[in-house]
């Protein structure tokens, strides 16, 4: 059924477009492919996407895996000891800005899953820096956190904030309108 002819439409399906029409389309594209109002198309520029996080100890052993979460439920808080140093790696991508060019890059923490203002109970803020993972060469954000800054026997929620320079507001994740399991996934419980 298909023809090996590379021109579309194929010979056995329809008739080729007249060369004048092809030239007209080529000129339109060369002229910027303006819409009927004279606007030149713009490349879409979405906010950065905060994809996932991974918590590890100082030897980079996993902390946020399902087996280390309350009741081994993947969206419950992961469990860490009191007075414990850990790293939280955040994977981010953007359609127009390289990861190492993103700005702000802060991990904010609170005892309240919906309040990350500076007056929130248990509020802390950690600057994240770009980290290149040696295994795959990908760039992530890494924040060093010590649980000694929080009260033990508590759940600490966190959100990551970043900006690509093209949007006025910082991108945050998870955001307040998400269901609670998204927020508890981005949290940890400090053992007594």
N, C-alpha and C. Protein backbone atom coordinates (compact mmCIF):
# COMPACT_ATOMS: atom_id res chain seq x y z
N UNK A 1 0.81 -1.21 0.00
CA UNK A 1 0.00 0.00 0.00
C UNK A 1 0.85 1.26 0.00
N UNK A 2 1.78 1.48 0.95
CA UNK A 2 2.55 2.71 0.91
C UNK A 2 3.55 2.71 -0.25
N UNK A 3 3.72 3.88 -0.80
CA UNK A 3 4.69 4.07 -1.86
C UNK A 3 6.04 4.39 -1.23
N UNK A 4 7.09 4.12 -1.94
CA UNK A 4 8.42 4.48 -1.45
C UNK A 4 8.77 5.93 -1.80
N UNK A 5 7.85 6.60 -2.47
CA UNK A 5 8.04 8.01 -2.82
C UNK A 5 8.03 8.82 -1.53
N UNK A 6 9.05 9.69 -1.32
CA UNK A 6 9.14 10.45 -0.07
C UNK A 6 8.23 11.67 -0.08
N UNK A 7 7.68 12.01 -1.22
CA UNK A 7 6.81 13.18 -1.31
C UNK A 7 5.42 12.84 -0.79
N UNK A 8 4.84 13.76 -0.01
CA UNK A 8 3.49 13.57 0.51
C UNK A 8 2.55 14.53 -0.19
N UNK A 9 1.31 14.18 -0.46
CA UNK A 9 0.79 12.84 -0.24
C UNK A 9 1.39 11.85 -1.23
N UNK A 10 1.42 10.59 -0.85
CA UNK A 10 1.99 9.58 -1.72
C UNK A 10 1.15 9.43 -2.97
N UNK A 11 1.80 8.98 -4.03
CA UNK A 11 1.16 8.91 -5.34
C UNK A 11 -0.17 8.17 -5.33
N UNK A 12 -0.25 7.08 -4.58
CA UNK A 12 -1.46 6.29 -4.63
C UNK A 12 -2.53 6.77 -3.65
N UNK A 13 -2.29 7.89 -2.95
CA UNK A 13 -3.26 8.38 -1.98
C UNK A 13 -3.88 9.70 -2.44
N UNK A 14 -3.13 10.54 -3.06
CA UNK A 14 -3.65 11.83 -3.47
C UNK A 14 -2.77 12.47 -4.52
N UNK A 15 -3.06 13.71 -4.82
CA UNK A 15 -2.25 14.40 -5.83
C UNK A 15 -1.29 15.35 -5.14
N UNK A 16 -0.08 15.48 -5.67
CA UNK A 16 0.91 16.38 -5.07
C UNK A 16 0.43 17.83 -5.11
N UNK A 17 0.90 18.61 -4.17
CA UNK A 17 0.57 20.03 -4.10
C UNK A 17 1.32 20.74 -5.23
N UNK A 18 0.67 21.75 -5.80
CA UNK A 18 1.29 22.51 -6.88
C UNK A 18 2.55 23.19 -6.38
N UNK A 19 3.56 23.29 -7.22
CA UNK A 19 4.85 23.87 -6.82
C UNK A 19 4.70 25.33 -6.37
N UNK A 20 3.73 26.08 -6.94
CA UNK A 20 3.52 27.46 -6.50
C UNK A 20 3.06 27.51 -5.04
N UNK A 21 2.20 26.56 -4.66
CA UNK A 21 1.73 26.51 -3.27
C UNK A 21 2.86 26.11 -2.33
N UNK A 22 3.68 25.19 -2.75
CA UNK A 22 4.83 24.79 -1.94
C UNK A 22 5.77 25.97 -1.75
N UNK A 23 6.00 26.73 -2.82
CA UNK A 23 6.87 27.92 -2.73
C UNK A 23 6.26 28.96 -1.79
N UNK A 24 4.94 29.15 -1.88
CA UNK A 24 4.25 30.11 -1.00
C UNK A 24 4.41 29.72 0.48
N UNK A 25 4.25 28.43 0.78
CA UNK A 25 4.43 27.96 2.16
C UNK A 25 5.88 28.16 2.61
N UNK A 26 6.83 27.87 1.73
CA UNK A 26 8.24 28.08 2.04
C UNK A 26 8.54 29.55 2.34
N UNK A 27 7.96 30.46 1.56
CA UNK A 27 8.15 31.89 1.79
C UNK A 27 7.52 32.32 3.12
N UNK A 28 6.35 31.76 3.44
CA UNK A 28 5.69 32.07 4.71
C UNK A 28 6.57 31.65 5.89
N UNK A 29 7.14 30.46 5.81
CA UNK A 29 8.02 29.98 6.88
C UNK A 29 9.27 30.86 6.96
N UNK A 30 9.88 31.17 5.82
CA UNK A 30 11.07 32.02 5.80
C UNK A 30 10.79 33.41 6.35
N UNK A 31 9.55 33.87 6.18
CA UNK A 31 9.16 35.19 6.67
C UNK A 31 8.74 35.20 8.13
N UNK A 32 8.92 34.09 8.84
CA UNK A 32 8.63 34.05 10.27
C UNK A 32 7.36 33.31 10.62
N UNK A 33 6.66 32.74 9.64
CA UNK A 33 5.43 31.97 9.87
C UNK A 33 4.43 32.74 10.73
N UNK A 34 4.20 34.00 10.35
CA UNK A 34 3.28 34.86 11.11
C UNK A 34 1.85 34.35 11.01
N UNK A 35 1.10 34.54 12.12
CA UNK A 35 -0.31 34.16 12.11
C UNK A 35 -1.12 35.24 11.39
N UNK A 36 -2.44 35.08 11.24
CA UNK A 36 -3.25 36.07 10.52
C UNK A 36 -3.19 37.48 11.12
N UNK A 37 -2.76 37.60 12.39
CA UNK A 37 -2.66 38.92 13.03
C UNK A 37 -1.26 39.50 12.97
N UNK A 38 -0.34 38.79 12.29
CA UNK A 38 1.03 39.28 12.14
C UNK A 38 1.97 38.89 13.28
N UNK A 39 1.54 38.02 14.17
CA UNK A 39 2.38 37.59 15.29
C UNK A 39 3.29 36.45 14.88
N UNK A 40 4.55 36.57 15.27
CA UNK A 40 5.52 35.50 15.02
C UNK A 40 5.38 34.47 16.14
N UNK A 41 5.36 33.18 15.81
CA UNK A 41 5.21 32.17 16.86
C UNK A 41 6.34 32.24 17.88
N UNK A 42 5.98 31.99 19.11
CA UNK A 42 6.96 32.00 20.20
C UNK A 42 7.14 30.58 20.72
N UNK A 43 8.37 30.25 21.06
CA UNK A 43 8.64 28.94 21.65
C UNK A 43 7.95 28.89 23.01
N UNK A 44 7.22 27.83 23.31
CA UNK A 44 6.56 27.78 24.62
C UNK A 44 7.59 27.80 25.73
N UNK A 45 7.30 28.53 26.78
CA UNK A 45 8.23 28.62 27.90
C UNK A 45 7.46 28.31 29.17
N UNK A 46 7.52 27.08 29.57
CA UNK A 46 6.83 26.64 30.78
C UNK A 46 7.68 26.92 32.01
N UNK A 47 7.04 26.88 33.16
CA UNK A 47 7.78 26.98 34.41
C UNK A 47 8.64 25.73 34.57
N UNK A 48 9.70 25.81 35.37
CA UNK A 48 10.49 24.61 35.62
C UNK A 48 9.62 23.51 36.22
N UNK A 49 9.97 22.28 35.92
CA UNK A 49 9.25 21.12 36.47
C UNK A 49 10.11 20.49 37.55
N UNK A 50 9.56 20.43 38.74
CA UNK A 50 10.22 19.75 39.85
C UNK A 50 9.72 18.31 39.78
N UNK A 51 10.60 17.41 39.39
CA UNK A 51 10.20 16.05 39.04
C UNK A 51 10.08 15.11 40.23
N UNK A 52 11.10 15.07 41.06
CA UNK A 52 11.11 14.16 42.20
C UNK A 52 12.26 14.54 43.12
N UNK A 53 12.31 13.89 44.27
CA UNK A 53 13.44 14.09 45.19
C UNK A 53 13.92 12.73 45.66
N UNK A 54 15.10 12.73 46.23
CA UNK A 54 15.65 11.52 46.80
C UNK A 54 16.48 11.93 48.01
N UNK A 55 16.19 11.37 49.15
CA UNK A 55 16.95 11.68 50.37
C UNK A 55 17.97 10.58 50.61
N UNK A 56 19.20 10.99 50.95
CA UNK A 56 20.29 10.05 51.21
C UNK A 56 21.06 10.51 52.44
N UNK A 57 21.76 9.57 53.06
CA UNK A 57 22.61 9.95 54.19
C UNK A 57 23.95 10.45 53.67
N UNK A 58 24.89 10.73 54.56
CA UNK A 58 26.17 11.31 54.14
C UNK A 58 27.00 10.36 53.28
N UNK A 59 26.71 9.06 53.33
CA UNK A 59 27.39 8.09 52.45
C UNK A 59 26.57 7.81 51.18
N UNK A 60 25.53 8.58 50.98
CA UNK A 60 24.64 8.48 49.82
C UNK A 60 23.86 7.17 49.78
N UNK A 61 23.58 6.60 50.94
CA UNK A 61 22.67 5.46 51.03
C UNK A 61 21.25 6.00 51.12
N UNK A 62 20.28 5.33 50.49
CA UNK A 62 18.91 5.87 50.42
C UNK A 62 18.20 5.94 51.77
N UNK A 63 17.43 7.01 51.93
CA UNK A 63 16.60 7.20 53.11
C UNK A 63 15.12 7.26 52.76
N UNK A 64 14.79 7.72 51.54
CA UNK A 64 13.40 7.99 51.19
C UNK A 64 12.74 6.86 50.43
N UNK A 65 13.36 5.68 50.42
CA UNK A 65 12.73 4.55 49.74
C UNK A 65 11.51 4.06 50.53
N UNK A 66 10.65 3.31 49.88
CA UNK A 66 9.38 2.88 50.49
C UNK A 66 9.58 2.12 51.78
N UNK A 67 10.60 1.27 51.84
CA UNK A 67 10.84 0.46 53.04
C UNK A 67 11.16 1.32 54.26
N UNK A 68 11.62 2.53 54.06
CA UNK A 68 11.98 3.42 55.17
C UNK A 68 10.92 4.51 55.39
N UNK A 69 9.70 4.23 54.98
CA UNK A 69 8.60 5.16 55.19
C UNK A 69 7.64 4.58 56.23
N UNK A 70 6.91 5.44 56.90
CA UNK A 70 5.97 4.98 57.93
C UNK A 70 5.03 3.94 57.32
N UNK A 71 4.94 2.79 57.98
CA UNK A 71 4.11 1.66 57.54
C UNK A 71 4.48 1.15 56.15
N UNK A 72 5.68 1.49 55.66
CA UNK A 72 6.15 1.08 54.32
C UNK A 72 5.18 1.50 53.21
N UNK A 73 4.52 2.64 53.40
CA UNK A 73 3.61 3.19 52.39
C UNK A 73 4.37 4.29 51.65
N UNK A 74 4.44 4.19 50.33
CA UNK A 74 5.33 5.04 49.55
C UNK A 74 5.07 6.53 49.68
N UNK A 75 3.85 6.94 50.03
CA UNK A 75 3.57 8.37 50.15
C UNK A 75 3.62 8.87 51.59
N UNK A 76 3.89 8.00 52.56
CA UNK A 76 4.04 8.44 53.95
C UNK A 76 5.42 9.06 54.16
N UNK A 77 5.60 9.81 55.25
CA UNK A 77 6.92 10.40 55.52
C UNK A 77 7.99 9.32 55.65
N UNK A 78 9.20 9.63 55.18
CA UNK A 78 10.31 8.71 55.43
C UNK A 78 10.85 8.99 56.83
N UNK A 79 11.52 8.02 57.41
CA UNK A 79 11.91 8.07 58.81
C UNK A 79 13.41 8.36 58.94
N UNK A 80 13.74 9.33 59.80
CA UNK A 80 15.14 9.64 60.06
C UNK A 80 15.36 9.80 61.57
N UNK A 81 16.57 9.54 62.05
CA UNK A 81 16.87 9.73 63.47
C UNK A 81 16.96 11.22 63.82
N UNK A 82 16.89 11.51 65.10
CA UNK A 82 17.16 12.87 65.58
C UNK A 82 18.66 13.13 65.43
N UNK A 83 19.04 14.41 65.31
CA UNK A 83 20.45 14.81 65.19
C UNK A 83 21.16 14.05 64.06
N UNK A 84 20.58 14.09 62.89
CA UNK A 84 21.05 13.28 61.77
C UNK A 84 21.29 14.15 60.54
N UNK A 85 22.43 13.98 59.92
CA UNK A 85 22.76 14.73 58.70
C UNK A 85 22.30 13.94 57.48
N UNK A 86 21.62 14.62 56.59
CA UNK A 86 21.18 13.98 55.34
C UNK A 86 21.25 14.99 54.20
N UNK A 87 21.17 14.47 52.99
CA UNK A 87 21.13 15.29 51.79
C UNK A 87 19.83 15.01 51.07
N UNK A 88 19.21 16.05 50.59
CA UNK A 88 18.00 15.88 49.78
C UNK A 88 18.32 16.37 48.38
N UNK A 89 18.26 15.45 47.42
CA UNK A 89 18.51 15.76 46.01
C UNK A 89 17.18 15.96 45.31
N UNK A 90 17.10 17.03 44.52
CA UNK A 90 15.86 17.36 43.82
C UNK A 90 16.15 17.38 42.33
N UNK A 91 15.34 16.65 41.56
CA UNK A 91 15.47 16.63 40.10
C UNK A 91 14.54 17.68 39.51
N UNK A 92 15.11 18.55 38.68
CA UNK A 92 14.35 19.64 38.06
C UNK A 92 14.72 19.68 36.58
N UNK A 93 13.75 20.02 35.74
CA UNK A 93 14.05 20.27 34.33
C UNK A 93 13.28 21.51 33.88
N UNK A 94 13.81 22.16 32.85
CA UNK A 94 13.16 23.34 32.31
C UNK A 94 13.29 23.31 30.80
N UNK A 95 12.29 23.83 30.10
CA UNK A 95 12.29 23.77 28.63
C UNK A 95 13.18 24.81 27.97
N UNK A 96 13.67 25.80 28.74
CA UNK A 96 14.50 26.83 28.10
C UNK A 96 15.73 27.23 28.91
N UNK A 97 15.85 26.77 30.14
CA UNK A 97 16.97 27.16 31.00
C UNK A 97 17.67 25.92 31.52
N UNK A 98 19.00 25.89 31.39
CA UNK A 98 19.77 24.77 31.91
C UNK A 98 19.64 24.72 33.43
N UNK A 99 19.69 23.54 33.99
CA UNK A 99 19.51 23.36 35.43
C UNK A 99 20.48 24.23 36.22
N UNK A 100 21.73 24.29 35.79
CA UNK A 100 22.71 25.09 36.55
C UNK A 100 22.55 26.59 36.36
N UNK A 101 21.58 27.01 35.54
CA UNK A 101 21.28 28.43 35.35
C UNK A 101 19.99 28.85 36.07
N UNK A 102 19.28 27.90 36.67
CA UNK A 102 18.09 28.24 37.44
C UNK A 102 18.49 29.01 38.68
N UNK A 103 17.61 29.85 39.19
CA UNK A 103 17.94 30.67 40.35
C UNK A 103 17.00 30.39 41.51
N UNK A 104 17.27 30.98 42.62
CA UNK A 104 16.56 30.87 43.90
C UNK A 104 16.88 29.53 44.56
N UNK A 105 16.37 28.41 44.08
CA UNK A 105 16.77 27.06 44.48
C UNK A 105 16.84 26.85 45.98
N UNK A 106 15.69 26.93 46.61
CA UNK A 106 15.63 26.78 48.07
C UNK A 106 14.69 25.66 48.47
N UNK A 107 15.10 24.95 49.50
CA UNK A 107 14.28 23.93 50.11
C UNK A 107 13.74 24.53 51.40
N UNK A 108 12.41 24.64 51.50
CA UNK A 108 11.78 25.22 52.69
C UNK A 108 11.08 24.11 53.45
N UNK A 109 11.17 24.19 54.79
CA UNK A 109 10.60 23.16 55.64
C UNK A 109 9.69 23.77 56.69
N UNK A 110 8.69 22.97 57.10
CA UNK A 110 7.69 23.45 58.06
C UNK A 110 7.00 22.24 58.69
N UNK A 111 6.45 22.43 59.89
CA UNK A 111 5.62 21.41 60.50
C UNK A 111 4.21 21.42 59.91
N UNK A 112 3.86 22.45 59.20
CA UNK A 112 2.53 22.62 58.61
C UNK A 112 2.63 22.31 57.10
N UNK A 113 1.86 21.36 56.58
CA UNK A 113 1.98 21.00 55.16
C UNK A 113 1.56 22.10 54.19
N UNK A 114 0.86 23.13 54.69
CA UNK A 114 0.38 24.19 53.79
C UNK A 114 0.93 25.57 54.11
N UNK A 115 1.82 25.68 55.06
CA UNK A 115 2.35 27.00 55.42
C UNK A 115 3.87 26.95 55.40
N UNK A 116 4.45 27.66 54.42
CA UNK A 116 5.90 27.73 54.29
C UNK A 116 6.38 29.18 54.37
N UNK A 117 5.59 30.00 55.06
CA UNK A 117 6.01 31.38 55.30
C UNK A 117 7.06 31.36 56.41
N UNK A 118 7.79 32.44 56.55
CA UNK A 118 8.83 32.49 57.58
C UNK A 118 8.27 32.41 58.98
N UNK A 119 6.96 32.64 59.15
CA UNK A 119 6.33 32.54 60.47
C UNK A 119 5.70 31.17 60.73
N UNK A 120 5.85 30.23 59.77
CA UNK A 120 5.26 28.89 59.94
C UNK A 120 5.95 28.15 61.08
N UNK A 121 5.23 27.30 61.79
CA UNK A 121 5.87 26.53 62.87
C UNK A 121 6.94 25.59 62.30
N UNK A 122 8.13 25.64 62.92
CA UNK A 122 9.24 24.80 62.48
C UNK A 122 9.89 25.24 61.18
N UNK A 123 9.62 26.49 60.73
CA UNK A 123 10.14 26.94 59.44
C UNK A 123 11.67 26.97 59.42
N UNK A 124 12.22 26.40 58.39
CA UNK A 124 13.66 26.47 58.09
C UNK A 124 13.80 26.55 56.58
N UNK A 125 14.90 27.14 56.16
CA UNK A 125 15.16 27.31 54.74
C UNK A 125 16.59 26.87 54.45
N UNK A 126 16.78 26.11 53.39
CA UNK A 126 18.10 25.60 53.02
C UNK A 126 18.38 25.94 51.57
N UNK A 127 19.54 26.52 51.32
CA UNK A 127 19.95 26.81 49.95
C UNK A 127 20.42 25.51 49.31
N UNK A 128 19.92 25.22 48.13
CA UNK A 128 20.34 24.02 47.40
C UNK A 128 21.37 24.43 46.36
N UNK A 129 22.33 23.58 46.12
CA UNK A 129 23.36 23.86 45.13
C UNK A 129 23.33 22.76 44.07
N UNK A 130 23.89 23.08 42.89
CA UNK A 130 23.89 22.14 41.78
C UNK A 130 24.91 21.04 42.06
N UNK A 131 24.47 19.83 41.85
CA UNK A 131 25.30 18.66 42.07
C UNK A 131 25.21 17.79 40.83
N UNK A 132 26.36 17.40 40.27
CA UNK A 132 26.38 16.50 39.12
C UNK A 132 26.59 15.09 39.62
N UNK A 133 25.62 14.24 39.36
CA UNK A 133 25.71 12.86 39.81
C UNK A 133 26.73 12.12 38.94
N UNK A 134 27.75 11.52 39.56
CA UNK A 134 28.79 10.88 38.77
C UNK A 134 28.30 9.69 37.95
N UNK A 135 27.23 9.02 38.41
CA UNK A 135 26.73 7.84 37.71
C UNK A 135 26.18 8.13 36.33
N UNK A 136 25.42 9.24 36.19
CA UNK A 136 24.80 9.52 34.90
C UNK A 136 25.14 10.91 34.36
N UNK A 137 25.89 11.70 35.11
CA UNK A 137 26.29 13.03 34.65
C UNK A 137 25.18 14.06 34.69
N UNK A 138 23.99 13.68 35.19
CA UNK A 138 22.88 14.63 35.26
C UNK A 138 23.08 15.58 36.43
N UNK A 139 22.50 16.76 36.29
CA UNK A 139 22.59 17.77 37.33
C UNK A 139 21.32 17.76 38.18
N UNK A 140 21.52 17.82 39.48
CA UNK A 140 20.43 17.86 40.45
C UNK A 140 20.71 19.00 41.42
N UNK A 141 19.71 19.35 42.22
CA UNK A 141 19.94 20.27 43.32
C UNK A 141 20.10 19.44 44.58
N UNK A 142 21.03 19.85 45.43
CA UNK A 142 21.30 19.12 46.66
C UNK A 142 21.26 20.10 47.82
N UNK A 143 20.52 19.74 48.85
CA UNK A 143 20.45 20.55 50.07
C UNK A 143 20.89 19.68 51.24
N UNK A 144 21.78 20.23 52.06
CA UNK A 144 22.24 19.54 53.26
C UNK A 144 21.34 19.92 54.42
N UNK A 145 20.77 18.92 55.08
CA UNK A 145 19.83 19.15 56.17
C UNK A 145 20.27 18.33 57.37
N UNK A 146 20.20 18.92 58.55
CA UNK A 146 20.44 18.17 59.78
C UNK A 146 19.17 18.22 60.60
N UNK A 147 18.72 17.06 61.05
CA UNK A 147 17.46 17.00 61.80
C UNK A 147 17.57 17.63 63.19
N UNK A 148 18.78 17.98 63.62
CA UNK A 148 18.92 18.62 64.94
C UNK A 148 18.29 20.00 64.98
N UNK A 149 17.87 20.53 63.84
CA UNK A 149 17.23 21.84 63.78
C UNK A 149 15.73 21.76 64.01
N UNK A 150 15.23 20.53 64.19
CA UNK A 150 13.80 20.32 64.36
C UNK A 150 13.52 19.53 65.63
N UNK A 151 12.29 19.59 66.09
CA UNK A 151 11.84 18.83 67.26
C UNK A 151 11.65 17.37 66.86
N UNK A 152 12.14 16.45 67.69
CA UNK A 152 11.96 15.03 67.37
C UNK A 152 10.50 14.63 67.61
N UNK A 153 10.14 13.46 67.07
CA UNK A 153 8.79 12.93 67.13
C UNK A 153 7.80 13.86 66.40
N UNK A 154 8.28 14.45 65.31
CA UNK A 154 7.46 15.36 64.49
C UNK A 154 7.63 15.00 63.02
N UNK A 155 6.63 15.36 62.23
CA UNK A 155 6.74 15.27 60.78
C UNK A 155 7.14 16.65 60.27
N UNK A 156 8.13 16.66 59.39
CA UNK A 156 8.60 17.90 58.77
C UNK A 156 8.27 17.80 57.27
N UNK A 157 7.52 18.77 56.78
CA UNK A 157 7.14 18.84 55.36
C UNK A 157 8.13 19.75 54.66
N UNK A 158 8.37 19.49 53.39
CA UNK A 158 9.27 20.38 52.65
C UNK A 158 8.76 20.62 51.24
N UNK A 159 9.19 21.76 50.71
CA UNK A 159 8.90 22.16 49.33
C UNK A 159 10.16 22.71 48.71
N UNK A 160 10.26 22.53 47.41
CA UNK A 160 11.39 23.09 46.68
C UNK A 160 10.91 24.26 45.83
N UNK A 161 11.72 25.31 45.77
CA UNK A 161 11.41 26.53 45.03
C UNK A 161 12.55 26.82 44.07
N UNK A 162 12.22 27.16 42.84
CA UNK A 162 13.22 27.52 41.85
C UNK A 162 12.63 28.52 40.86
N UNK A 163 13.48 29.14 40.03
CA UNK A 163 13.01 30.11 39.06
C UNK A 163 13.90 30.05 37.83
N UNK A 164 13.27 30.09 36.65
CA UNK A 164 14.03 30.04 35.39
C UNK A 164 14.38 31.42 34.85
N UNK A 165 14.00 32.49 35.55
CA UNK A 165 14.30 33.84 35.09
C UNK A 165 13.30 34.38 34.09
N UNK A 166 12.40 33.54 33.61
CA UNK A 166 11.40 33.96 32.64
C UNK A 166 10.02 34.15 33.25
N UNK A 167 9.86 33.75 34.50
CA UNK A 167 8.58 33.86 35.20
C UNK A 167 8.77 34.70 36.45
N UNK A 168 7.80 35.55 36.74
CA UNK A 168 7.92 36.46 37.88
C UNK A 168 7.94 35.70 39.21
N UNK A 169 7.10 34.69 39.33
CA UNK A 169 7.00 33.96 40.60
C UNK A 169 7.89 32.72 40.57
N UNK A 170 8.37 32.34 41.73
CA UNK A 170 9.13 31.11 41.84
C UNK A 170 8.19 29.91 41.67
N UNK A 171 8.69 28.86 41.09
CA UNK A 171 7.94 27.61 40.98
C UNK A 171 8.12 26.86 42.30
N UNK A 172 7.03 26.31 42.83
CA UNK A 172 7.12 25.52 44.06
C UNK A 172 6.49 24.16 43.85
N UNK A 173 7.02 23.18 44.57
CA UNK A 173 6.42 21.86 44.56
C UNK A 173 6.79 21.14 45.84
N UNK A 174 5.82 20.43 46.45
CA UNK A 174 4.41 20.41 46.09
C UNK A 174 3.72 21.71 46.47
N UNK A 175 2.64 22.04 45.83
CA UNK A 175 1.91 23.27 46.14
C UNK A 175 0.68 22.95 46.98
N UNK A 176 0.12 23.97 47.60
CA UNK A 176 -0.93 23.78 48.62
C UNK A 176 -2.19 23.09 48.11
N UNK A 177 -2.56 23.26 46.85
CA UNK A 177 -3.82 22.69 46.38
C UNK A 177 -3.73 21.19 46.07
N UNK A 178 -2.55 20.61 46.16
CA UNK A 178 -2.42 19.17 45.92
C UNK A 178 -3.01 18.38 47.09
N UNK A 179 -3.48 17.15 46.83
CA UNK A 179 -3.97 16.31 47.93
C UNK A 179 -2.85 15.98 48.92
N UNK A 180 -3.26 15.67 50.15
CA UNK A 180 -2.31 15.42 51.23
C UNK A 180 -1.23 14.38 50.92
N UNK A 181 -1.52 13.27 50.21
CA UNK A 181 -0.44 12.30 49.96
C UNK A 181 0.77 12.87 49.21
N UNK A 182 0.56 13.87 48.35
CA UNK A 182 1.69 14.52 47.69
C UNK A 182 2.56 15.23 48.72
N UNK A 183 1.93 15.84 49.69
CA UNK A 183 2.64 16.59 50.72
C UNK A 183 3.35 15.66 51.69
N UNK A 184 2.70 14.54 52.05
CA UNK A 184 3.36 13.61 52.96
C UNK A 184 4.50 12.87 52.27
N UNK A 185 4.40 12.69 50.96
CA UNK A 185 5.53 12.10 50.23
C UNK A 185 6.76 12.99 50.38
N UNK A 186 6.56 14.30 50.33
CA UNK A 186 7.63 15.28 50.51
C UNK A 186 7.72 15.64 52.00
N UNK A 187 7.98 14.66 52.84
CA UNK A 187 8.11 14.91 54.27
C UNK A 187 8.92 13.81 54.92
N UNK A 188 9.37 14.08 56.15
CA UNK A 188 10.08 13.05 56.92
C UNK A 188 9.65 13.13 58.38
N UNK A 189 9.75 12.00 59.04
CA UNK A 189 9.41 11.89 60.46
C UNK A 189 10.70 11.71 61.23
N UNK A 190 10.89 12.54 62.27
CA UNK A 190 12.09 12.47 63.10
C UNK A 190 11.79 11.60 64.31
N UNK A 191 12.53 10.53 64.43
CA UNK A 191 12.33 9.61 65.55
C UNK A 191 12.64 10.30 66.88
N UNK A 192 11.95 9.85 67.97
CA UNK A 192 12.23 10.43 69.30
C UNK A 192 13.63 10.05 69.79
